Protein backbone atom coordinates (compact mmCIF):
# COMPACT_ATOMS: atom_id res chain seq x y z
CA UNK A 1 97.29 99.06 87.49
CA UNK A 2 97.31 102.58 88.80
CA UNK A 3 99.17 103.13 92.05
CA UNK A 4 97.06 104.44 94.92
CA UNK A 5 98.22 105.75 98.28
CA UNK A 6 96.55 106.91 101.45
CA UNK A 7 97.26 110.39 102.80
CA UNK A 8 100.94 111.33 103.21
CA UNK A 9 102.19 111.50 106.82
CA UNK A 10 105.41 113.46 107.41
CA UNK A 11 108.15 111.15 108.64
CA UNK A 12 106.27 107.97 107.71
CA UNK A 13 105.21 108.35 104.08
CA UNK A 14 101.98 107.03 102.56
CA UNK A 15 100.30 103.65 102.84
CA UNK A 16 100.25 101.77 99.54
CA UNK A 17 96.79 100.49 98.58
CA UNK A 18 95.97 97.16 96.96
CA UNK A 19 95.20 97.71 93.26
CA UNK A 20 92.39 95.15 93.47
CA UNK A 21 90.40 96.00 96.63
CA UNK A 22 92.08 99.27 97.74
CA UNK A 23 92.82 97.77 101.16
CA UNK A 24 95.90 99.04 102.95
CA UNK A 25 97.21 95.77 104.39
CA UNK A 26 99.75 94.67 101.80
CA UNK A 27 102.53 92.34 102.93
CA UNK A 28 105.71 92.39 100.88
CA UNK A 29 107.66 89.21 100.35
CA UNK A 30 110.10 88.39 97.58
CA UNK A 31 112.24 91.27 96.31
CA UNK A 32 114.08 91.11 92.98
CA UNK A 33 116.86 93.45 91.88
CA UNK A 34 118.02 93.68 88.27
CA UNK A 35 121.34 95.40 87.63
CA UNK A 36 122.93 96.02 84.26
CA UNK A 37 124.71 98.68 82.26
CA UNK A 38 122.68 100.59 79.68
CA UNK A 39 121.36 98.35 76.89
CA UNK A 40 123.53 95.38 77.93
CA UNK A 41 122.18 91.86 77.50
CA UNK A 42 123.98 90.63 80.61
CA UNK A 43 123.81 91.71 84.23
CA UNK A 44 122.85 90.50 87.69
CA UNK A 45 119.52 89.34 89.08
CA UNK A 46 119.35 89.15 92.88
CA UNK A 47 116.37 87.53 94.61
CA UNK A 48 115.78 87.89 98.36
CA UNK A 49 112.97 85.75 99.81
CA UNK A 50 112.26 83.72 102.92
CA UNK A 51 115.58 84.53 104.58
CA UNK A 52 117.72 83.58 101.60
CA UNK A 53 119.40 85.39 98.72
CA UNK A 54 120.14 84.01 95.27
CA UNK A 55 122.13 85.56 92.44
CA UNK A 56 121.91 84.65 88.78
CA UNK A 57 122.21 86.37 85.41
CA UNK A 58 118.57 85.92 84.28
CA UNK A 59 117.29 89.37 83.29
CA UNK A 60 114.10 88.10 81.63
CA UNK A 61 111.83 89.56 84.34
CA UNK A 62 113.46 92.99 84.42
CA UNK A 63 110.75 95.66 84.26
CA UNK A 64 113.24 97.93 82.45
CA UNK A 65 114.08 97.20 78.84
CA UNK A 66 117.31 99.18 79.07
CA UNK A 67 118.71 99.56 82.63
CA UNK A 68 118.08 98.68 86.27
CA UNK A 69 114.81 97.42 87.69
CA UNK A 70 113.12 96.25 90.89
CA UNK A 71 110.18 93.97 91.59
CA UNK A 72 108.56 93.74 95.01
CA UNK A 73 105.96 90.99 95.41
CA UNK A 74 102.98 91.62 97.70
CA UNK A 75 100.03 89.68 99.12
CA UNK A 76 96.87 91.50 100.16
CA UNK A 77 95.40 90.68 103.55
CA UNK A 78 91.88 91.72 102.44
CA UNK A 79 91.56 89.88 99.12
CA UNK A 80 93.41 87.20 97.14
CA UNK A 81 95.43 89.66 95.04
CA UNK A 82 99.19 89.17 94.71
CA UNK A 83 100.31 92.44 93.11
CA UNK A 84 103.89 93.18 92.18
CA UNK A 85 105.32 96.70 92.45
CA UNK A 86 107.84 97.42 89.69
CA UNK A 87 110.41 100.18 89.41
CA UNK A 88 112.10 100.65 86.06
CA UNK A 89 114.75 103.06 84.85
CA UNK A 90 114.39 104.14 81.22
CA UNK A 91 116.15 107.03 79.46
CA UNK A 92 116.69 109.03 82.65
CA UNK A 93 113.14 108.45 83.92
CA UNK A 94 112.00 106.25 86.76
CA UNK A 95 108.72 104.42 86.17
CA UNK A 96 106.70 102.85 89.02
CA UNK A 97 103.81 100.48 88.34
CA UNK A 98 101.69 97.66 89.78
CA UNK A 99 101.25 94.35 87.95
CA UNK A 100 99.60 91.12 89.02
CA UNK A 101 101.77 88.03 89.44
CA UNK A 102 101.05 85.36 86.92
């Protein structure tokens, strides 16, 4: 999914749009952090949701195949979409994308 934003406002940023309906009322919920050294099979996976935090070593959902990654889960107020914003580090680049939760 291609990321879409509303106009940039100095000091506030830009509103992120839903990749399904282009509405601007996205609510973020669960946040996942993946931390590992370059090309390592082990690392940390931190999940923050509903006032709790959990730590494990499951890197299977990491959006980066080589380094650190983030996943932020959203729910759209205007449609039934539940997109997930991903941030992945790969070979010195930072990739940002939208995917739909399965």
